[in-house]
PDB file of N, CA and C in Angstrom:
ATOM      1  N   MET A   1       0.841  -1.180   0.000  1.00  0.00           N
ATOM      2  CA  MET A   1       0.000   0.000   0.000  1.00  0.00           C
ATOM      3  C   MET A   1       0.889   1.247   0.000  1.00  0.00           C
ATOM      4  N   PRO A   2       0.657   2.196  -0.921  1.00  0.00           N
ATOM      5  CA  PRO A   2       1.496   3.401  -0.973  1.00  0.00           C
ATOM      6  C   PRO A   2       1.257   4.282   0.250  1.00  0.00           C
ATOM      7  N   ALA A   3       2.300   5.000   0.611  1.00  0.00           N
ATOM      8  CA  ALA A   3       2.203   5.915   1.752  1.00  0.00           C
ATOM      9  C   ALA A   3       1.225   7.030   1.429  1.00  0.00           C
ATOM     10  N   MET A   4       0.466   7.415   2.431  1.00  0.00           N
ATOM     11  CA  MET A   4      -0.496   8.508   2.268  1.00  0.00           C
ATOM     12  C   MET A   4       0.254   9.835   2.369  1.00  0.00           C
ATOM     13  N   VAL A   5      -0.030  10.713   1.471  1.00  0.00           N
ATOM     14  CA  VAL A   5       0.561  12.047   1.504  1.00  0.00           C
ATOM     15  C   VAL A   5      -0.484  12.982   2.079  1.00  0.00           C
ATOM     16  N   LYS A   6      -0.114  13.629   3.169  1.00  0.00           N
ATOM     17  CA  LYS A   6      -1.043  14.554   3.805  1.00  0.00           C
ATOM     18  C   LYS A   6      -1.056  15.869   3.038  1.00  0.00           C
ATOM     19  N   ARG A   7      -2.237  16.276   2.586  1.00  0.00           N
ATOM     20  CA  ARG A   7      -2.380  17.555   1.890  1.00  0.00           C
ATOM     21  C   ARG A   7      -2.617  18.628   2.928  1.00  0.00           C
ATOM     22  N   ARG A   8      -1.913  19.721   2.791  1.00  0.00           N
ATOM     23  CA  ARG A   8      -2.058  20.824   3.736  1.00  0.00           C
ATOM     24  C   ARG A   8      -2.811  21.948   3.048  1.00  0.00           C
ATOM     25  N   ASN A   9      -4.119  21.850   3.009  1.00  0.00           N
ATOM     26  CA  ASN A   9      -4.928  22.859   2.325  1.00  0.00           C
ATOM     27  C   ASN A   9      -4.774  24.248   2.929  1.00  0.00           C
ATOM     28  N   SER A  10      -4.461  24.321   4.217  1.00  0.00           N
ATOM     29  CA  SER A  10      -4.329  25.629   4.850  1.00  0.00           C
ATOM     30  C   SER A  10      -2.892  26.128   4.839  1.00  0.00           C
ATOM     31  N   ALA A  11      -1.992  25.402   4.205  1.00  0.00           N
ATOM     32  CA  ALA A  11      -0.589  25.793   4.200  1.00  0.00           C
ATOM     33  C   ALA A  11      -0.361  27.027   3.330  1.00  0.00           C
ATOM     34  N   CYS A  12       0.652  27.755   3.674  1.00  0.00           N
ATOM     35  CA  CYS A  12       1.033  28.962   2.940  1.00  0.00           C
ATOM     36  C   CYS A  12       1.381  28.611   1.502  1.00  0.00           C
ATOM     37  N   PRO A  13       0.889  29.364   0.533  1.00  0.00           N
ATOM     38  CA  PRO A  13       1.180  29.064  -0.869  1.00  0.00           C
ATOM     39  C   PRO A  13       2.506  29.631  -1.371  1.00  0.00           C
ATOM     40  N   SER A  14       3.199  30.401  -0.540  1.00  0.00           N
ATOM     41  CA  SER A  14       4.461  30.993  -0.976  1.00  0.00           C
ATOM     42  C   SER A  14       5.494  29.901  -1.217  1.00  0.00           C
ATOM     43  N   GLU A  15       6.177  29.967  -2.344  1.00  0.00           N
ATOM     44  CA  GLU A  15       7.187  28.970  -2.686  1.00  0.00           C
ATOM     45  C   GLU A  15       8.380  29.014  -1.732  1.00  0.00           C
ATOM     46  N   ASP A  16       8.609  30.137  -1.064  1.00  0.00           N
ATOM     47  CA  ASP A  16       9.756  30.301  -0.190  1.00  0.00           C
ATOM     48  C   ASP A  16       9.484  29.973   1.276  1.00  0.00           C
ATOM     49  N   CYS A  17       8.254  29.665   1.625  1.00  0.00           N
ATOM     50  CA  CYS A  17       7.874  29.484   3.019  1.00  0.00           C
ATOM     51  C   CYS A  17       8.038  28.044   3.484  1.00  0.00           C
ATOM     52  N   ARG A  18       8.467  27.899   4.727  1.00  0.00           N
ATOM     53  CA  ARG A  18       8.567  26.570   5.329  1.00  0.00           C
ATOM     54  C   ARG A  18       7.577  26.413   6.478  1.00  0.00           C
ATOM     55  N   GLY A  19       6.698  27.373   6.637  1.00  0.00           N
ATOM     56  CA  GLY A  19       5.696  27.315   7.692  1.00  0.00           C
ATOM     57  C   GLY A  19       4.647  26.254   7.402  1.00  0.00           C
ATOM     58  N   THR A  20       3.892  25.882   8.422  1.00  0.00           N
ATOM     59  CA  THR A  20       2.925  24.814   8.231  1.00  0.00           C
ATOM     60  C   THR A  20       1.476  25.240   8.324  1.00  0.00           C
ATOM     61  N   SER A  21       1.184  26.273   9.060  1.00  0.00           N
ATOM     62  CA  SER A  21      -0.226  26.628   9.214  1.00  0.00           C
ATOM     63  C   SER A  21      -0.416  28.117   9.474  1.00  0.00           C
ATOM     64  N   PRO A  22      -0.859  28.876   8.481  1.00  0.00           N
ATOM     65  CA  PRO A  22      -1.090  30.322   8.676  1.00  0.00           C
ATOM     66  C   PRO A  22      -2.555  30.631   8.984  1.00  0.00           C
ATOM     67  N   PRO A  23      -2.969  30.541  10.237  1.00  0.00           N
ATOM     68  CA  PRO A  23      -4.389  30.695  10.555  1.00  0.00           C
ATOM     69  C   PRO A  23      -4.893  32.135  10.657  1.00  0.00           C
ATOM     70  N   GLN A  24      -4.014  33.130  10.606  1.00  0.00           N
ATOM     71  CA  GLN A  24      -4.447  34.503  10.843  1.00  0.00           C
ATOM     72  C   GLN A  24      -5.407  35.020   9.781  1.00  0.00           C
ATOM     73  N   ARG A  25      -6.410  35.717  10.246  1.00  0.00           N
ATOM     74  CA  ARG A  25      -7.336  36.387   9.350  1.00  0.00           C
ATOM     75  C   ARG A  25      -7.408  37.878   9.664  1.00  0.00           C
ATOM     76  N   TYR A  26      -6.631  38.297  10.641  1.00  0.00           N
ATOM     77  CA  TYR A  26      -6.648  39.709  11.052  1.00  0.00           C
ATOM     78  C   TYR A  26      -5.975  40.614  10.038  1.00  0.00           C
ATOM     79  N   VAL A  27      -5.353  40.047   9.042  1.00  0.00           N
ATOM     80  CA  VAL A  27      -4.558  40.816   8.096  1.00  0.00           C
ATOM     81  C   VAL A  27      -5.385  41.823   7.301  1.00  0.00           C
ATOM     82  N   ALA A  28      -6.682  41.600   7.143  1.00  0.00           N
ATOM     83  CA  ALA A  28      -7.524  42.537   6.388  1.00  0.00           C
ATOM     84  C   ALA A  28      -7.456  43.944   6.980  1.00  0.00           C
ATOM     85  N   ARG A  29      -7.507  44.034   8.281  1.00  0.00           N
ATOM     86  CA  ARG A  29      -7.443  45.345   8.932  1.00  0.00           C
ATOM     87  C   ARG A  29      -6.071  45.978   8.742  1.00  0.00           C
ATOM     88  N   ARG A  30      -5.025  45.184   8.838  1.00  0.00           N
ATOM     89  CA  ARG A  30      -3.672  45.703   8.675  1.00  0.00           C
ATOM     90  C   ARG A  30      -3.413  46.142   7.246  1.00  0.00           C
ATOM     91  N   LEU A  31      -3.985  45.417   6.282  1.00  0.00           N
ATOM     92  CA  LEU A  31      -3.844  45.830   4.884  1.00  0.00           C
ATOM     93  C   LEU A  31      -4.573  47.147   4.639  1.00  0.00           C
ATOM     94  N   ALA A  32      -5.748  47.290   5.230  1.00  0.00           N
ATOM     95  CA  ALA A  32      -6.488  48.547   5.094  1.00  0.00           C
ATOM     96  C   ALA A  32      -5.677  49.704   5.672  1.00  0.00           C
ATOM     97  N   ASP A  33      -5.019  49.461   6.811  1.00  0.00           N
ATOM     98  CA  ASP A  33      -4.161  50.484   7.412  1.00  0.00           C
ATOM     99  C   ASP A  33      -2.993  50.854   6.495  1.00  0.00           C
ATOM    100  N   ALA A  34      -2.558  49.874   5.672  1.00  0.00           N
ATOM    101  CA  ALA A  34      -1.450  50.113   4.746  1.00  0.00           C
ATOM    102  C   ALA A  34      -1.924  50.718   3.427  1.00  0.00           C
ATOM    103  N   GLY A  35      -3.249  50.941   3.297  1.00  0.00           N
ATOM    104  CA  GLY A  35      -3.784  51.572   2.097  1.00  0.00           C
ATOM    105  C   GLY A  35      -4.238  50.614   1.014  1.00  0.00           C
ATOM    106  N   VAL A  36      -4.272  49.318   1.311  1.00  0.00           N
ATOM    107  CA  VAL A  36      -4.725  48.326   0.326  1.00  0.00           C
ATOM    108  C   VAL A  36      -6.240  48.224   0.436  1.00  0.00           C
ATOM    109  N   GLU A  37      -6.946  48.614  -0.627  1.00  0.00           N
ATOM    110  CA  GLU A  37      -8.408  48.624  -0.592  1.00  0.00           C
ATOM    111  C   GLU A  37      -9.031  47.655  -1.584  1.00  0.00           C
ATOM    112  N   ALA A  38      -8.244  46.761  -2.158  1.00  0.00           N
ATOM    113  CA  ALA A  38      -8.767  45.794  -3.124  1.00  0.00           C
ATOM    114  C   ALA A  38      -9.757  44.842  -2.451  1.00  0.00           C
ATOM    115  N   GLU A  39     -10.680  44.316  -3.219  1.00  0.00           N
ATOM    116  CA  GLU A  39     -11.698  43.400  -2.698  1.00  0.00           C
ATOM    117  C   GLU A  39     -11.072  42.165  -2.047  1.00  0.00           C
ATOM    118  N   TRP A  40      -9.992  41.638  -2.625  1.00  0.00           N
ATOM    119  CA  TRP A  40      -9.360  40.434  -2.082  1.00  0.00           C
ATOM    120  C   TRP A  40      -8.811  40.663  -0.678  1.00  0.00           C
ATOM    121  N   ALA A  41      -8.489  41.898  -0.334  1.00  0.00           N
ATOM    122  CA  ALA A  41      -7.883  42.191   0.966  1.00  0.00           C
ATOM    123  C   ALA A  41      -8.832  41.921   2.130  1.00  0.00           C
ATOM    124  N   LYS A  42     -10.132  41.925   1.868  1.00  0.00           N
ATOM    125  CA  LYS A  42     -11.113  41.688   2.935  1.00  0.00           C
ATOM    126  C   LYS A  42     -11.062  40.275   3.482  1.00  0.00           C
ATOM    127  N   THR A  43     -10.609  39.327   2.678  1.00  0.00           N
ATOM    128  CA  THR A  43     -10.538  37.938   3.123  1.00  0.00           C
ATOM    129  C   THR A  43      -9.118  37.387   3.048  1.00  0.00           C
ATOM    130  N   ALA A  44      -8.142  38.266   2.983  1.00  0.00           N
ATOM    131  CA  ALA A  44      -6.747  37.842   2.861  1.00  0.00           C
ATOM    132  C   ALA A  44      -6.279  37.121   4.115  1.00  0.00           C
ATOM    133  N   ARG A  45      -5.283  36.275   3.926  1.00  0.00           N
ATOM    134  CA  ARG A  45      -4.646  35.571   5.034  1.00  0.00           C
ATOM    135  C   ARG A  45      -3.162  35.877   5.000  1.00  0.00           C
ATOM    136  N   ARG A  46      -2.530  35.766   6.151  1.00  0.00           N
ATOM    137  CA  ARG A  46      -1.087  36.019   6.254  1.00  0.00           C
ATOM    138  C   ARG A  46      -0.414  34.852   6.952  1.00  0.00           C
ATOM    139  N   CYS A  47       0.663  34.375   6.366  1.00  0.00           N
ATOM    140  CA  CYS A  47       1.440  33.299   6.961  1.00  0.00           C
ATOM    141  C   CYS A  47       2.247  33.869   8.122  1.00  0.00           C
ATOM    142  N   SER A  48       2.120  33.260   9.290  1.00  0.00           N
ATOM    143  CA  SER A  48       2.845  33.748  10.461  1.00  0.00           C
ATOM    144  C   SER A  48       4.332  33.444  10.379  1.00  0.00           C
ATOM    145  N   TYR A  49       4.729  32.551   9.498  1.00  0.00           N
ATOM    146  CA  TYR A  49       6.140  32.190   9.382  1.00  0.00           C
ATOM    147  C   TYR A  49       6.904  33.150   8.466  1.00  0.00           C
ATOM    148  N   CYS A  50       6.385  33.378   7.257  1.00  0.00           N
ATOM    149  CA  CYS A  50       7.139  34.187   6.286  1.00  0.00           C
ATOM    150  C   CYS A  50       6.498  35.534   5.971  1.00  0.00           C
ATOM    151  N   GLY A  51       5.281  35.776   6.447  1.00  0.00           N
ATOM    152  CA  GLY A  51       4.624  37.050   6.183  1.00  0.00           C
ATOM    153  C   GLY A  51       3.929  37.127   4.840  1.00  0.00           C
ATOM    154  N   CYS A  52       3.855  36.020   4.128  1.00  0.00           N
ATOM    155  CA  CYS A  52       3.179  35.973   2.827  1.00  0.00           C
ATOM    156  C   CYS A  52       1.696  36.287   3.007  1.00  0.00           C
ATOM    157  N   VAL A  53       1.189  37.211   2.216  1.00  0.00           N
ATOM    158  CA  VAL A  53      -0.235  37.548   2.230  1.00  0.00           C
ATOM    159  C   VAL A  53      -0.846  36.951   0.974  1.00  0.00           C
ATOM    160  N   TYR A  54      -1.931  36.197   1.155  1.00  0.00           N
ATOM    161  CA  TYR A  54      -2.566  35.543   0.016  1.00  0.00           C
ATOM    162  C   TYR A  54      -4.074  35.570   0.149  1.00  0.00           C
ATOM    163  N   SER A  55      -4.716  35.402  -0.978  1.00  0.00           N
ATOM    164  CA  SER A  55      -6.170  35.288  -1.000  1.00  0.00           C
ATOM    165  C   SER A  55      -6.517  33.967  -1.669  1.00  0.00           C
ATOM    166  N   ILE A  56      -7.724  33.511  -1.417  1.00  0.00           N
ATOM    167  CA  ILE A  56      -8.177  32.255  -2.001  1.00  0.00           C
ATOM    168  C   ILE A  56      -9.196  32.582  -3.078  1.00  0.00           C
ATOM    169  N   SER A  57      -8.920  32.108  -4.279  1.00  0.00           N
ATOM    170  CA  SER A  57      -9.793  32.326  -5.424  1.00  0.00           C
ATOM    171  C   SER A  57     -10.204  30.961  -5.957  1.00  0.00           C
ATOM    172  N   GLY A  58     -11.411  30.542  -5.624  1.00  0.00           N
ATOM    173  CA  GLY A  58     -11.843  29.192  -5.981  1.00  0.00           C
ATOM    174  C   GLY A  58     -11.028  28.197  -5.183  1.00  0.00           C
ATOM    175  N   SER A  59     -10.296  27.337  -5.849  1.00  0.00           N
ATOM    176  CA  SER A  59      -9.431  26.384  -5.152  1.00  0.00           C
ATOM    177  C   SER A  59      -7.963  26.810  -5.196  1.00  0.00           C
ATOM    178  N   ALA A  60      -7.697  27.973  -5.782  1.00  0.00           N
ATOM    179  CA  ALA A  60      -6.318  28.452  -5.896  1.00  0.00           C
ATOM    180  C   ALA A  60      -6.001  29.494  -4.835  1.00  0.00           C
ATOM    181  N   LYS A  61      -4.763  29.471  -4.361  1.00  0.00           N
ATOM    182  CA  LYS A  61      -4.267  30.478  -3.434  1.00  0.00           C
ATOM    183  C   LYS A  61      -3.377  31.425  -4.223  1.00  0.00           C
ATOM    184  N   VAL A  62      -3.680  32.714  -4.139  1.00  0.00           N
ATOM    185  CA  VAL A  62      -2.967  33.715  -4.923  1.00  0.00           C
ATOM    186  C   VAL A  62      -2.125  34.578  -3.983  1.00  0.00           C
ATOM    187  N   VAL A  63      -0.805  34.527  -4.159  1.00  0.00           N
ATOM    188  CA  VAL A  63       0.100  35.333  -3.341  1.00  0.00           C
ATOM    189  C   VAL A  63      -0.003  36.775  -3.806  1.00  0.00           C
ATOM    190  N   ARG A  64      -0.305  37.680  -2.846  1.00  0.00           N
ATOM    191  CA  ARG A  64      -0.476  39.105  -3.162  1.00  0.00           C
ATOM    192  C   ARG A  64       0.727  39.946  -2.770  1.00  0.00           C
ATOM    193  N   GLY A  65       1.507  39.463  -1.810  1.00  0.00           N
ATOM    194  CA  GLY A  65       2.679  40.199  -1.346  1.00  0.00           C
ATOM    195  C   GLY A  65       3.110  39.697   0.009  1.00  0.00           C
ATOM    196  N   HIS A  66       3.838  40.548   0.749  1.00  0.00           N
ATOM    197  CA  HIS A  66       4.301  40.198   2.088  1.00  0.00           C
ATOM    198  C   HIS A  66       4.021  41.345   3.046  1.00  0.00           C
ATOM    199  N   LEU A  67       3.733  40.990   4.276  1.00  0.00           N
ATOM    200  CA  LEU A  67       3.464  41.967   5.325  1.00  0.00           C
ATOM    201  C   LEU A  67       4.328  41.612   6.530  1.00  0.00           C
ATOM    202  N   ASP A  68       5.181  42.533   6.933  1.00  0.00           N
ATOM    203  CA  ASP A  68       6.063  42.338   8.087  1.00  0.00           C
ATOM    204  C   ASP A  68       6.927  41.092   7.935  1.00  0.00           C
ATOM    205  N   ASN A  69       7.729  41.074   6.891  1.00  0.00           N
ATOM    206  CA  ASN A  69       8.646  39.974   6.610  1.00  0.00           C
ATOM    207  C   ASN A  69      10.012  40.320   7.182  1.00  0.00           C
ATOM    208  N   GLU A  70      10.700  39.349   7.798  1.00  0.00           N
ATOM    209  CA  GLU A  70      12.002  39.618   8.416  1.00  0.00           C
ATOM    210  C   GLU A  70      13.044  40.099   7.404  1.00  0.00           C
ATOM    211  N   VAL A  71      13.008  39.580   6.201  1.00  0.00           N
ATOM    212  CA  VAL A  71      13.988  39.956   5.185  1.00  0.00           C
ATOM    213  C   VAL A  71      13.595  41.258   4.485  1.00  0.00           C
ATOM    214  N   LEU A  72      12.318  41.384   4.125  1.00  0.00           N
ATOM    215  CA  LEU A  72      11.848  42.555   3.384  1.00  0.00           C
ATOM    216  C   LEU A  72      11.572  43.753   4.283  1.00  0.00           C
ATOM    217  N   GLY A  73      11.394  43.515   5.569  1.00  0.00           N
ATOM    218  CA  GLY A  73      11.137  44.594   6.519  1.00  0.00           C
ATOM    219  C   GLY A  73       9.681  44.704   6.915  1.00  0.00           C
ATOM    220  N   LEU A  74       9.405  45.619   7.820  1.00  0.00           N
ATOM    221  CA  LEU A  74       8.045  45.835   8.292  1.00  0.00           C
ATOM    222  C   LEU A  74       7.220  46.566   7.250  1.00  0.00           C
ATOM    223  N   GLY A  75       5.913  46.351   7.283  1.00  0.00           N
ATOM    224  CA  GLY A  75       5.025  47.025   6.357  1.00  0.00           C
ATOM    225  C   GLY A  75       4.626  46.141   5.199  1.00  0.00           C
ATOM    226  N   TRP A  76       3.837  46.697   4.307  1.00  0.00           N
ATOM    227  CA  TRP A  76       3.273  45.987   3.162  1.00  0.00           C
ATOM    228  C   TRP A  76       4.215  46.067   1.973  1.00  0.00           C
ATOM    229  N   ARG A  77       4.487  44.917   1.360  1.00  0.00           N
ATOM    230  CA  ARG A  77       5.291  44.829   0.144  1.00  0.00           C
ATOM    231  C   ARG A  77       4.505  44.024  -0.891  1.00  0.00           C
ATOM    232  N   PRO A  78       3.887  44.691  -1.880  1.00  0.00           N
ATOM    233  CA  PRO A  78       3.120  43.950  -2.883  1.00  0.00           C
ATOM    234  C   PRO A  78       4.026  43.037  -3.711  1.00  0.00           C
ATOM    235  N   LYS A  79       3.440  41.967  -4.210  1.00  0.00           N
ATOM    236  CA  LYS A  79       4.202  41.035  -5.041  1.00  0.00           C
ATOM    237  C   LYS A  79       4.602  41.722  -6.334  1.00  0.00           C
ATOM    238  N   ARG A  80       5.839  41.508  -6.736  1.00  0.00           N
ATOM    239  CA  ARG A  80       6.308  42.055  -8.007  1.00  0.00           C
ATOM    240  C   ARG A  80       5.723  41.244  -9.142  1.00  0.00           C
ATOM    241  N   VAL A  81       5.307  41.922 -10.170  1.00  0.00           N
ATOM    242  CA  VAL A  81       4.693  41.235 -11.324  1.00  0.00           C
ATOM    243  C   VAL A  81       5.722  40.910 -12.368  1.00  0.00           C
TER     244      VAL A  81
END
């Protein structure tokens, strides 16, 4: 019998993150404070490990940027396109 692979649906979608569970939902208020008024920001999540901010669109997680990242610094840093 093949080994079961545990899917982490709540895991951070950032390719650089090693965190396991980003449960925070308070990021919407912090994004508003940073001047982000996009519709996705109302339901955004933030990884507590790497600071990745993402939204969920259907079954996909879309990385929007970083908030308070140790390497990038404090504050909002939108994802580069």
